[in-house]
Amino acid sequence: MNWLNKHLSFKADVLVTLLNGLVVIGGVFVLNGLIARLYGLDVLGEFLLIKRTLSAGVSILLIGMNIGLPNYLSRNFERAYTNNAFVLFIVVSIPLTIIFIGGLFLFDITGFNQDYFWLYVLFAFSMCTQFMTYALYRGYMNMLGANVFQLLGTAIIPIIVFYLVDTLYDGLFWIGGSIVIIMFMSFVSRNKGVSLQDVNTRQSKELLQYGLKRIPSFISQFILLAGIPIMLAQTVNFESVAYFNSSLSLVRLALLIINPLGMVLLPRIANMISGGSMGEVQSLLKIMLKAGIVFSLLGTIYIFLFAPLILEFWLGEVSNVGVLILRFSILALPFYTFAGLTRSPIDAVSEKGYNSLVYGLGAVTMVITYLFGQYLQYNLLSIALFSFLVSHLVTGLTSAYFVQKLYQHRIWDLKLLRDIAGVSTGMILIHYIIALTTMTEQVQFVLTSIIYLYVGIIIYRNVNSGWLAELKSLLYA
C-alpha cells in the first residue's frame, strides 16, 4: 500500500484530485439514482436528510481537526501532531458525536427515529473517521491516498451496500461499520501506529485553539448546508426534501471538481508562507480563483439549461417543482465555489478564523431571510430557496473581501468579465439554436454537450494569454 503514501508534484496532485472529484460525482449520481429507483423518492429524501445533517456537523464534532491537522502537519511533517489529534478524537469527538445525535432528538427533528439512536451515532462516527483519515493524508501531502479513501467512503461503499440491503437502516449500519473499520486501520497504518509518548499539552492546545476559533464557521456551515433541508422536512413532504438535497448534492459535487484545488492548496500555501514565498502564493491564487469563477459559472449554466433531463436521467422522476428547486439551487454554485476555494488560503495565512465571519454572516442572512419570509406568509418552499441563494451570495462576496485584504489580491478585471460574458453568451446561444431543431430532447442534450466539449477543447488548446494560459503553464510545469 506504499503507493497511497507517494508525494506527487503539484500538477499531479491537482489532476489526481480533479479526476477523483469527477469519479465521486459519478458515484454519488449513481447512488442517489439507485436509491430513488429501488426505494422511492421519499426514502431518498430521508437518507439525504440524515446524511446532509450529519456530514454538515462533522467539522464541529472534530473540533476543526480536519482543518487544523493538515495545516500543522504539512509544515514539517511532525508526527506528534497526528498522535495528539488521535487522542483528542477519542477523548472529545466520540462524546460530542453522542451528544450531537441526542440533540437531534431533543429538538424533535423530523426524519430521525429514536429507535435508531446508536445507528445514527455509528453513521456519524464513520463520517468523522473518514474526515480524519482524509486530513491525515492531506497533511502528509499524499493526495493520492486521500482521494482513494474519499472515493471509498463517499461512493463505492454506499453503492455496494445499498445494492445488497433491503432497508435504509440496514444500509446505514453496513456503511457506517465498514467505513469505521477501513478508515481506522488506514489512519493507524499511514501514521505507523499511534505513540502516546508524543502526546503533549502544547500541540494539543495548538490543535484545539486552531479548531475552536473556527467552530463558529463550522456551525454557520452546518446551518447553510443542513438548515434548509431540516426546515423543509418539518413543513413539506420528503419528496421535496429529496429534490432539494439532490440539487444541493449537485452544488456540492460540482464543487468537488474545483474544491480539490483548495484541498491541495492549504498544506502547500502553509508551506510556502512559512518559507517566505508570498509572491508565489499571490500568483497561484490569481490563477486558481479566476479559473474557479469561470468553470463554476459554466457548470451553473449547463445544469440550469438541462435541469429537467438531468433529474429524469438521475432520479427516474421529474416534476415542475423538482425542476424549479434544481434551477434555483444551482444559481448558488458560483458563490459556493468561490467561498470554498478561498477558505483554505484564508485559513493558511491567518490564525484569526476569518472564515467564521464569512460563514457566520451567511448563516445569519439565511435565518433572517427565512424568518422574514415566514412573517410575510410567503410560500415556504420559495422562502427556503431564496434564503439559500441569498446566504451563499453573501458568503461569496465576504470571502472575496477577506482574500483581497489578506493577500492584497484583486480578483476582478475587465478581461475576466469579458471571458465570463463570452462563454455565457456562447453556451446559451448554442443551446437555443439546437433547441430549434426537431430532434428529441435527449438527442439535443447529447449533441449540445458534445459541441460544448469540442468548443471548450479548441479554446483550451489555442489560448496563449490570460489566466487560462497561466493555468496551462502551471499544470504543464
Protein backbone atom coordinates (compact mmCIF):
# COMPACT_ATOMS: atom_id res chain seq x y z
CA MET A 1 0.00 0.00 0.00
CA ASN A 2 3.03 2.31 -0.25
CA TRP A 3 1.61 3.81 -3.45
CA LEU A 4 -1.02 5.58 -1.30
CA ASN A 5 1.75 7.41 0.54
CA LYS A 6 3.52 8.86 -2.51
CA HIS A 7 4.44 12.53 -2.74
CA LEU A 8 3.36 13.81 -6.14
CA SER A 9 4.07 17.08 -7.91
CA PHE A 10 1.59 19.94 -7.56
CA LYS A 11 0.39 19.26 -11.10
CA ALA A 12 -0.13 15.57 -10.35
CA ASP A 13 -1.90 16.34 -7.06
CA VAL A 14 -4.33 18.67 -8.82
CA LEU A 15 -5.00 16.31 -11.72
CA VAL A 16 -5.49 13.27 -9.46
CA THR A 17 -7.82 15.21 -7.19
CA LEU A 18 -9.82 16.66 -10.08
CA LEU A 19 -10.18 13.20 -11.63
CA ASN A 20 -11.28 11.78 -8.30
CA GLY A 21 -13.81 14.60 -7.99
CA LEU A 22 -15.32 13.59 -11.32
CA VAL A 23 -15.45 9.93 -10.29
CA VAL A 24 -17.05 10.82 -6.94
CA ILE A 25 -19.64 12.93 -8.75
CA GLY A 26 -20.45 9.97 -10.94
CA GLY A 27 -20.55 7.65 -7.92
CA VAL A 28 -22.93 9.80 -5.89
CA PHE A 29 -25.02 10.38 -9.01
CA VAL A 30 -25.36 6.59 -9.33
CA LEU A 31 -26.01 6.19 -5.58
CA ASN A 32 -28.89 8.69 -5.48
CA GLY A 33 -30.39 7.27 -8.64
CA LEU A 34 -30.09 3.73 -7.26
CA ILE A 35 -31.88 4.62 -4.02
CA ALA A 36 -34.60 6.58 -5.86
CA ARG A 37 -35.31 3.68 -8.20
CA LEU A 38 -35.12 0.85 -5.63
CA TYR A 39 -36.76 2.55 -2.66
CA GLY A 40 -38.53 5.69 -4.00
CA LEU A 41 -38.05 9.45 -3.61
CA ASP A 42 -39.35 9.51 -0.02
CA VAL A 43 -36.62 7.11 1.15
CA LEU A 44 -34.02 9.05 -0.85
CA GLY A 45 -35.22 12.23 0.84
CA GLU A 46 -34.88 10.62 4.27
CA PHE A 47 -31.40 9.27 3.50
CA LEU A 48 -30.15 12.59 2.14
CA LEU A 49 -31.60 14.45 5.13
CA ILE A 50 -29.72 12.14 7.53
CA LYS A 51 -26.52 12.30 5.50
CA ARG A 52 -26.64 16.07 4.98
CA THR A 53 -27.37 16.80 8.64
CA LEU A 54 -24.63 14.54 9.99
CA SER A 55 -21.98 15.45 7.40
CA ALA A 56 -22.63 19.16 7.97
CA GLY A 57 -21.88 18.66 11.66
CA VAL A 58 -18.69 16.61 11.27
CA SER A 59 -16.29 19.58 11.47
CA ILE A 60 -17.91 20.61 14.74
CA LEU A 61 -17.60 17.09 16.16
CA LEU A 62 -13.93 17.04 15.16
CA ILE A 63 -13.40 20.49 16.72
CA GLY A 64 -11.78 21.58 13.48
CA MET A 65 -9.06 18.93 13.43
CA ASN A 66 -9.96 18.08 9.82
CA ILE A 67 -8.58 21.56 9.02
CA GLY A 68 -6.03 22.01 11.80
CA LEU A 69 -4.24 18.68 11.35
CA PRO A 70 -3.24 19.19 7.68
CA ASN A 71 -2.31 22.81 8.44
CA TYR A 72 0.21 21.91 11.17
CA LEU A 73 1.30 18.52 9.83
CA SER A 74 2.21 19.88 6.38
CA ARG A 75 4.67 22.43 7.79
CA ASN A 76 7.33 19.94 8.84
CA PHE A 77 5.55 16.53 8.84
CA GLU A 78 5.89 16.28 12.61
CA ARG A 79 4.14 13.01 13.51
CA ALA A 80 3.42 14.18 17.05
CA TYR A 81 0.56 16.36 15.76
CA THR A 82 -1.18 13.27 14.41
CA ASN A 83 -0.81 11.42 17.71
CA ASN A 84 -2.24 14.38 19.61
CA ALA A 85 -5.11 14.61 17.11
CA PHE A 86 -5.87 10.91 17.56
CA VAL A 87 -6.13 11.27 21.35
CA LEU A 88 -8.33 14.36 21.03
CA PHE A 89 -10.51 12.42 18.61
CA ILE A 90 -11.05 9.64 21.18
CA VAL A 91 -11.47 11.93 24.19
CA VAL A 92 -13.51 14.74 22.64
CA SER A 93 -15.05 13.77 19.29
CA ILE A 94 -16.68 10.47 20.33
CA PRO A 95 -18.59 12.01 23.30
CA LEU A 96 -19.54 15.01 21.13
CA THR A 97 -20.96 12.67 18.49
CA ILE A 98 -23.24 11.00 21.06
CA ILE A 99 -24.33 14.41 22.42
CA PHE A 100 -24.98 15.70 18.89
CA ILE A 101 -27.28 12.81 17.99
CA GLY A 102 -29.06 13.23 21.32
CA GLY A 103 -29.59 16.90 20.48
CA LEU A 104 -31.36 15.98 17.25
CA PHE A 105 -33.93 14.03 19.26
CA LEU A 106 -34.14 16.74 21.92
CA PHE A 107 -35.26 19.21 19.25
CA ASP A 108 -37.56 16.56 17.70
CA ILE A 109 -36.12 16.83 14.18
CA THR A 110 -38.39 15.12 11.64
CA GLY A 111 -36.63 12.32 9.75
CA PHE A 112 -34.73 10.93 12.76
CA ASN A 113 -36.22 7.88 14.53
CA GLN A 114 -35.32 7.48 18.21
CA ASP A 115 -35.33 3.69 17.84
CA TYR A 116 -32.14 4.00 15.76
CA PHE A 117 -30.14 6.28 18.09
CA TRP A 118 -26.96 4.17 18.07
CA LEU A 119 -27.24 3.58 14.35
CA TYR A 120 -27.08 7.35 13.77
CA VAL A 121 -24.12 7.52 16.15
CA LEU A 122 -22.32 4.83 14.13
CA PHE A 123 -23.07 6.56 10.83
CA ALA A 124 -21.90 9.95 12.16
CA PHE A 125 -18.80 8.34 13.66
CA SER A 126 -17.95 6.78 10.29
CA MET A 127 -18.03 10.23 8.68
CA CYS A 128 -15.72 11.55 11.40
CA THR A 129 -13.19 8.75 10.80
CA GLN A 130 -13.33 9.38 7.05
CA PHE A 131 -12.69 13.12 7.51
CA MET A 132 -9.80 12.42 9.89
CA THR A 133 -8.16 9.94 7.52
CA TYR A 134 -8.54 12.40 4.66
CA ALA A 135 -6.99 15.13 6.83
CA LEU A 136 -4.05 12.88 7.73
CA TYR A 137 -3.20 12.09 4.12
CA ARG A 138 -3.65 15.77 3.16
CA GLY A 139 -1.25 16.78 5.91
CA TYR A 140 1.39 14.37 4.65
CA MET A 141 0.67 15.68 1.11
CA ASN A 142 -0.33 12.19 -0.03
CA MET A 143 -3.26 13.37 -2.14
CA LEU A 144 -3.45 10.06 -3.99
CA GLY A 145 -4.23 8.22 -0.77
CA ALA A 146 -6.56 10.98 0.43
CA ASN A 147 -8.59 10.75 -2.75
CA VAL A 148 -8.79 6.97 -2.70
CA PHE A 149 -10.32 6.98 0.78
CA GLN A 150 -12.68 9.81 -0.10
CA LEU A 151 -13.93 7.80 -3.08
CA LEU A 152 -14.34 4.67 -0.97
CA GLY A 153 -16.32 6.35 1.79
CA THR A 154 -18.41 8.69 -0.33
CA ALA A 155 -19.35 6.50 -3.29
CA ILE A 156 -18.03 2.94 -3.61
CA ILE A 157 -19.03 1.51 -0.21
CA PRO A 158 -22.52 3.13 -0.17
CA ILE A 159 -23.29 1.92 -3.72
CA ILE A 160 -22.30 -1.67 -2.91
CA VAL A 161 -24.23 -1.67 0.37
CA PHE A 162 -27.47 -0.20 -0.99
CA TYR A 163 -27.39 -2.62 -3.89
CA LEU A 164 -27.35 -5.53 -1.42
CA VAL A 165 -29.52 -4.48 1.54
CA ASP A 166 -33.32 -4.35 1.84
CA THR A 167 -33.90 -1.28 4.02
CA LEU A 168 -32.46 2.19 4.57
CA TYR A 169 -31.40 1.40 8.14
CA ASP A 170 -29.61 -1.79 7.13
CA GLY A 171 -27.73 0.38 4.67
CA LEU A 172 -26.74 2.91 7.32
CA PHE A 173 -25.45 0.12 9.56
CA TRP A 174 -23.28 -1.58 6.96
CA ILE A 175 -21.98 1.68 5.50
CA GLY A 176 -21.13 3.03 8.95
CA GLY A 177 -19.46 -0.16 10.19
CA SER A 178 -17.41 -0.71 7.02
CA ILE A 179 -16.14 2.86 6.86
CA VAL A 180 -15.16 2.95 10.55
CA ILE A 181 -13.06 -0.20 10.21
CA ILE A 182 -11.39 0.78 6.93
CA MET A 183 -10.64 4.36 7.91
CA PHE A 184 -9.36 3.49 11.38
CA MET A 185 -6.97 0.88 10.01
CA SER A 186 -5.79 3.25 7.25
CA PHE A 187 -5.19 6.09 9.71
CA VAL A 188 -3.09 3.97 12.04
CA SER A 189 -1.22 2.33 9.16
CA ARG A 190 -0.26 5.64 7.47
CA ASN A 191 0.81 7.12 10.78
CA LYS A 192 2.87 3.98 11.52
CA GLY A 193 0.97 3.41 14.72
CA VAL A 194 -0.04 5.78 17.49
CA SER A 195 2.52 6.79 20.11
CA LEU A 196 1.07 8.13 23.35
CA GLN A 197 4.55 9.32 24.31
CA ASP A 198 4.19 12.10 21.72
CA VAL A 199 1.04 13.46 23.33
CA ASN A 200 1.77 16.82 24.95
CA THR A 201 -0.08 19.89 26.10
CA ARG A 202 1.49 22.33 23.61
CA GLN A 203 0.49 20.59 20.40
CA SER A 204 -2.91 19.54 21.71
CA LYS A 205 -3.52 23.16 22.70
CA GLU A 206 -2.46 24.38 19.24
CA LEU A 207 -4.90 22.00 17.53
CA LEU A 208 -7.69 22.91 19.93
CA GLN A 209 -7.16 26.66 19.62
CA TYR A 210 -6.94 26.48 15.84
CA GLY A 211 -10.14 24.45 15.68
CA LEU A 212 -12.11 26.33 18.33
CA LYS A 213 -11.55 29.63 16.53
CA ARG A 214 -13.25 28.06 13.53
CA ILE A 215 -16.18 26.48 15.37
CA PRO A 216 -18.43 29.49 14.60
CA SER A 217 -17.55 28.92 10.94
CA PHE A 218 -18.45 25.23 11.17
CA ILE A 219 -21.72 25.97 12.96
CA SER A 220 -22.55 28.51 10.28
CA GLN A 221 -21.73 26.00 7.54
CA PHE A 222 -23.97 23.47 9.32
CA ILE A 223 -26.83 25.98 9.13
CA LEU A 224 -26.07 26.77 5.48
CA LEU A 225 -25.95 23.11 4.42
CA ALA A 226 -28.42 21.40 6.75
CA GLY A 227 -30.68 24.27 7.81
CA ILE A 228 -32.92 24.37 4.75
CA PRO A 229 -33.35 20.55 4.45
CA ILE A 230 -34.23 20.34 8.15
CA MET A 231 -36.73 23.20 7.88
CA LEU A 232 -38.29 21.69 4.76
CA ALA A 233 -38.62 18.30 6.46
CA GLN A 234 -40.75 19.91 9.17
CA THR A 235 -43.13 21.58 6.71
CA VAL A 236 -43.23 19.72 3.36
CA ASN A 237 -43.03 16.12 2.17
CA PHE A 238 -39.83 14.08 1.81
CA GLU A 239 -40.17 14.25 -1.99
CA SER A 240 -39.41 17.99 -1.94
CA VAL A 241 -36.62 17.31 0.55
CA ALA A 242 -35.22 14.72 -1.89
CA TYR A 243 -35.28 17.20 -4.77
CA PHE A 244 -33.63 19.93 -2.70
CA ASN A 245 -30.97 17.65 -1.22
CA SER A 246 -30.26 16.19 -4.66
CA SER A 247 -29.91 19.72 -6.02
CA LEU A 248 -27.65 20.60 -3.10
CA SER A 249 -25.64 17.47 -3.88
CA LEU A 250 -25.07 18.80 -7.38
CA VAL A 251 -23.92 22.13 -5.94
CA ARG A 252 -21.54 20.34 -3.57
CA LEU A 253 -20.45 17.65 -6.02
CA ALA A 254 -19.76 20.12 -8.79
CA LEU A 255 -17.54 21.82 -6.26
CA LEU A 256 -15.59 18.57 -5.94
CA ILE A 257 -14.07 19.44 -9.32
CA ILE A 258 -12.98 22.86 -8.07
CA ASN A 259 -12.63 22.40 -4.31
CA PRO A 260 -9.81 19.83 -4.60
CA LEU A 261 -7.62 22.75 -5.54
CA GLY A 262 -8.36 24.11 -2.08
CA MET A 263 -7.56 20.73 -0.55
CA VAL A 264 -4.18 20.77 -2.28
CA LEU A 265 -3.63 24.48 -1.61
CA LEU A 266 -3.94 24.53 2.20
CA PRO A 267 -0.84 22.46 3.03
CA ARG A 268 1.15 23.90 0.11
CA ILE A 269 0.27 27.52 0.87
CA ALA A 270 1.09 27.00 4.56
CA ASN A 271 4.41 25.51 3.45
CA MET A 272 5.17 28.39 1.02
CA ILE A 273 4.20 31.09 3.52
CA SER A 274 6.45 29.55 6.18
CA GLY A 275 9.24 29.69 3.57
CA GLY A 276 8.61 33.38 2.80
CA SER A 277 7.22 32.87 -0.73
CA MET A 278 4.20 35.21 -0.50
CA GLY A 279 4.66 36.45 -4.09
CA GLU A 280 4.39 32.92 -5.40
CA VAL A 281 1.23 32.38 -3.35
CA GLN A 282 -0.38 35.53 -4.75
CA SER A 283 0.35 34.44 -8.32
CA LEU A 284 -1.06 30.99 -7.65
CA LEU A 285 -4.25 32.39 -6.13
CA LYS A 286 -4.84 34.73 -9.05
CA ILE A 287 -4.91 31.81 -11.47
CA MET A 288 -6.93 29.42 -9.31
CA LEU A 289 -9.64 31.87 -8.27
CA LYS A 290 -10.26 33.10 -11.80
CA ALA A 291 -10.43 29.52 -13.06
CA GLY A 292 -12.84 28.64 -10.26
CA ILE A 293 -15.16 31.53 -11.10
CA VAL A 294 -15.33 30.73 -14.82
CA PHE A 295 -15.65 26.94 -14.53
CA SER A 296 -18.32 27.10 -11.82
CA LEU A 297 -20.30 29.53 -13.96
CA LEU A 298 -20.10 27.08 -16.88
CA GLY A 299 -21.44 24.32 -14.62
CA THR A 300 -24.27 26.56 -13.39
CA ILE A 301 -25.43 27.42 -16.92
CA TYR A 302 -25.20 23.80 -18.08
CA ILE A 303 -27.25 22.40 -15.18
CA PHE A 304 -29.78 25.25 -15.35
CA LEU A 305 -30.44 24.69 -19.06
CA PHE A 306 -30.76 20.91 -18.81
CA ALA A 307 -32.40 20.63 -15.36
CA PRO A 308 -35.44 18.56 -16.50
CA LEU A 309 -33.34 15.97 -18.34
CA ILE A 310 -30.76 15.77 -15.56
CA LEU A 311 -33.47 14.95 -13.00
CA GLU A 312 -35.10 12.43 -15.33
CA PHE A 313 -31.84 10.62 -16.06
CA TRP A 314 -30.72 10.81 -12.44
CA LEU A 315 -33.75 10.05 -10.26
CA GLY A 316 -36.06 8.48 -12.82
CA GLU A 317 -38.77 11.00 -11.89
CA VAL A 318 -39.20 14.68 -12.67
CA SER A 319 -41.81 17.28 -11.72
CA ASN A 320 -42.19 21.01 -12.21
CA VAL A 321 -41.41 21.51 -8.52
CA GLY A 322 -38.24 19.43 -8.85
CA VAL A 323 -37.06 21.45 -11.86
CA LEU A 324 -37.75 24.72 -10.02
CA ILE A 325 -35.80 23.54 -6.97
CA LEU A 326 -32.79 22.44 -9.03
CA ARG A 327 -32.66 25.60 -11.16
CA PHE A 328 -32.93 27.94 -8.19
CA SER A 329 -30.45 25.99 -6.08
CA ILE A 330 -27.80 25.76 -8.78
CA LEU A 331 -27.62 29.56 -9.01
CA ALA A 332 -25.70 29.42 -5.71
CA LEU A 333 -22.91 27.32 -7.26
CA PRO A 334 -20.51 30.15 -8.30
CA PHE A 335 -20.70 31.78 -4.85
CA TYR A 336 -20.42 28.44 -3.03
CA THR A 337 -17.45 27.52 -5.21
CA PHE A 338 -15.63 30.79 -4.63
CA ALA A 339 -16.13 30.63 -0.85
CA GLY A 340 -14.88 27.03 -0.87
CA LEU A 341 -11.78 27.91 -2.89
CA THR A 342 -10.85 30.85 -0.66
CA ARG A 343 -11.42 29.03 2.63
CA SER A 344 -8.09 27.18 2.60
CA PRO A 345 -5.97 30.23 1.60
CA ILE A 346 -7.66 32.30 4.32
CA ASP A 347 -7.03 29.59 6.93
CA ALA A 348 -3.42 29.18 5.78
CA VAL A 349 -2.45 32.85 6.09
CA SER A 350 -4.23 33.74 9.34
CA GLU A 351 -4.84 32.20 12.75
CA LYS A 352 -7.78 34.56 13.45
CA GLY A 353 -10.55 32.46 11.97
CA TYR A 354 -11.84 34.92 9.39
CA ASN A 355 -13.90 32.14 7.86
CA SER A 356 -16.09 32.24 10.95
CA LEU A 357 -17.09 35.76 9.90
CA VAL A 358 -17.59 34.68 6.28
CA TYR A 359 -19.90 31.77 7.01
CA GLY A 360 -21.40 33.34 10.12
CA LEU A 361 -22.68 36.28 8.11
CA GLY A 362 -24.08 33.89 5.52
CA ALA A 363 -25.87 31.80 8.17
CA VAL A 364 -27.37 34.87 9.85
CA THR A 365 -28.56 36.09 6.44
CA MET A 366 -30.23 32.72 5.76
CA VAL A 367 -32.06 32.64 9.09
CA ILE A 368 -33.22 36.28 8.90
CA THR A 369 -34.40 35.88 5.29
CA TYR A 370 -36.30 32.70 6.13
CA LEU A 371 -37.97 34.16 9.21
CA PHE A 372 -38.86 37.38 7.39
CA GLY A 373 -40.42 35.39 4.56
CA GLN A 374 -42.45 33.38 7.07
CA TYR A 375 -43.62 36.63 8.69
CA LEU A 376 -44.83 37.86 5.30
CA GLN A 377 -46.54 34.46 4.81
CA TYR A 378 -44.86 33.58 1.52
CA ASN A 379 -44.74 30.00 0.24
CA LEU A 380 -42.33 28.06 2.50
CA LEU A 381 -40.54 26.32 -0.37
CA SER A 382 -39.98 29.65 -2.16
CA ILE A 383 -38.68 31.21 1.06
CA ALA A 384 -36.28 28.31 1.60
CA LEU A 385 -34.85 28.51 -1.93
CA PHE A 386 -34.49 32.29 -1.85
CA SER A 387 -32.79 32.30 1.58
CA PHE A 388 -30.41 29.56 0.37
CA LEU A 389 -29.36 31.63 -2.65
CA VAL A 390 -29.01 34.94 -0.79
CA SER A 391 -26.97 33.40 2.03
CA HIS A 392 -24.44 31.92 -0.41
CA LEU A 393 -24.24 35.20 -2.30
CA VAL A 394 -23.23 36.83 0.99
CA THR A 395 -20.57 34.17 1.79
CA GLY A 396 -19.04 34.52 -1.68
CA LEU A 397 -18.80 38.30 -1.52
CA THR A 398 -17.48 38.30 2.07
CA SER A 399 -14.78 35.74 1.26
CA ALA A 400 -13.74 37.88 -1.73
CA TYR A 401 -13.29 40.82 0.64
CA PHE A 402 -11.04 38.88 3.04
CA VAL A 403 -8.90 37.38 0.26
CA GLN A 404 -8.28 40.86 -1.10
CA LYS A 405 -7.50 42.14 2.41
CA LEU A 406 -5.13 39.32 3.41
CA TYR A 407 -3.32 38.80 0.10
CA GLN A 408 -3.64 42.26 -1.45
CA HIS A 409 -5.15 40.41 -4.39
CA ARG A 410 -7.57 42.00 -6.86
CA ILE A 411 -9.85 39.35 -8.32
CA TRP A 412 -11.98 41.16 -10.87
CA ASP A 413 -10.77 42.87 -14.03
CA LEU A 414 -12.20 43.68 -17.47
CA LYS A 415 -10.61 40.63 -19.12
CA LEU A 416 -12.26 38.27 -16.63
CA LEU A 417 -15.64 39.97 -17.14
CA ARG A 418 -15.14 39.67 -20.90
CA ASP A 419 -14.43 35.95 -20.59
CA ILE A 420 -17.49 35.41 -18.39
CA ALA A 421 -19.77 37.30 -20.77
CA GLY A 422 -18.34 35.47 -23.79
CA VAL A 423 -18.67 31.91 -22.50
CA SER A 424 -22.12 32.54 -21.01
CA THR A 425 -23.49 34.03 -24.21
CA GLY A 426 -21.91 31.27 -26.32
CA MET A 427 -23.38 28.45 -24.22
CA ILE A 428 -26.89 29.93 -24.22
CA LEU A 429 -26.83 30.60 -27.97
CA ILE A 430 -25.69 27.06 -28.79
CA HIS A 431 -28.40 25.63 -26.55
CA TYR A 432 -31.22 27.60 -28.12
CA ILE A 433 -30.03 27.05 -31.69
CA ILE A 434 -30.05 23.28 -31.13
CA ALA A 435 -33.43 23.58 -29.37
CA LEU A 436 -34.95 24.98 -32.60
CA THR A 437 -34.37 21.64 -34.36
CA THR A 438 -36.90 18.79 -34.48
CA MET A 439 -34.62 16.35 -32.67
CA THR A 440 -35.78 14.77 -29.41
CA GLU A 441 -34.74 16.43 -26.15
CA GLN A 442 -32.40 13.54 -25.37
CA VAL A 443 -30.59 13.89 -28.72
CA GLN A 444 -30.42 17.67 -28.28
CA PHE A 445 -28.87 17.15 -24.85
CA VAL A 446 -26.19 14.78 -26.17
CA LEU A 447 -25.43 16.93 -29.25
CA THR A 448 -25.22 20.17 -27.26
CA SER A 449 -22.94 18.53 -24.69
CA ILE A 450 -20.62 17.29 -27.45
CA ILE A 451 -20.48 20.77 -29.01
CA TYR A 452 -19.71 22.35 -25.62
CA LEU A 453 -16.90 19.86 -25.07
CA TYR A 454 -15.48 20.31 -28.58
CA VAL A 455 -15.52 24.13 -28.39
CA GLY A 456 -14.00 24.00 -24.91
CA ILE A 457 -11.11 21.81 -26.09
CA ILE A 458 -10.42 24.16 -29.02
CA ILE A 459 -10.37 27.20 -26.74
CA TYR A 460 -8.18 25.46 -24.18
CA ARG A 461 -5.65 24.31 -26.77
CA ASN A 462 -5.35 27.62 -28.62
CA VAL A 463 -5.48 30.28 -25.90
CA ASN A 464 -1.97 31.67 -25.29
CA SER A 465 -2.60 34.63 -22.98
CA GLY A 466 -4.56 35.49 -19.84
CA TRP A 467 -5.49 33.38 -16.82
CA LEU A 468 -6.21 30.25 -18.88
CA ALA A 469 -2.73 30.34 -20.44
CA GLU A 470 -1.24 30.80 -16.96
CA LEU A 471 -3.28 27.84 -15.70
CA LYS A 472 -1.96 25.70 -18.55
CA SER A 473 1.61 26.76 -17.75
CA LEU A 474 1.06 25.83 -14.11
CA LEU A 475 -0.33 22.41 -14.97
CA TYR A 476 2.34 21.66 -17.57
CA ALA A 477 5.22 22.92 -15.44
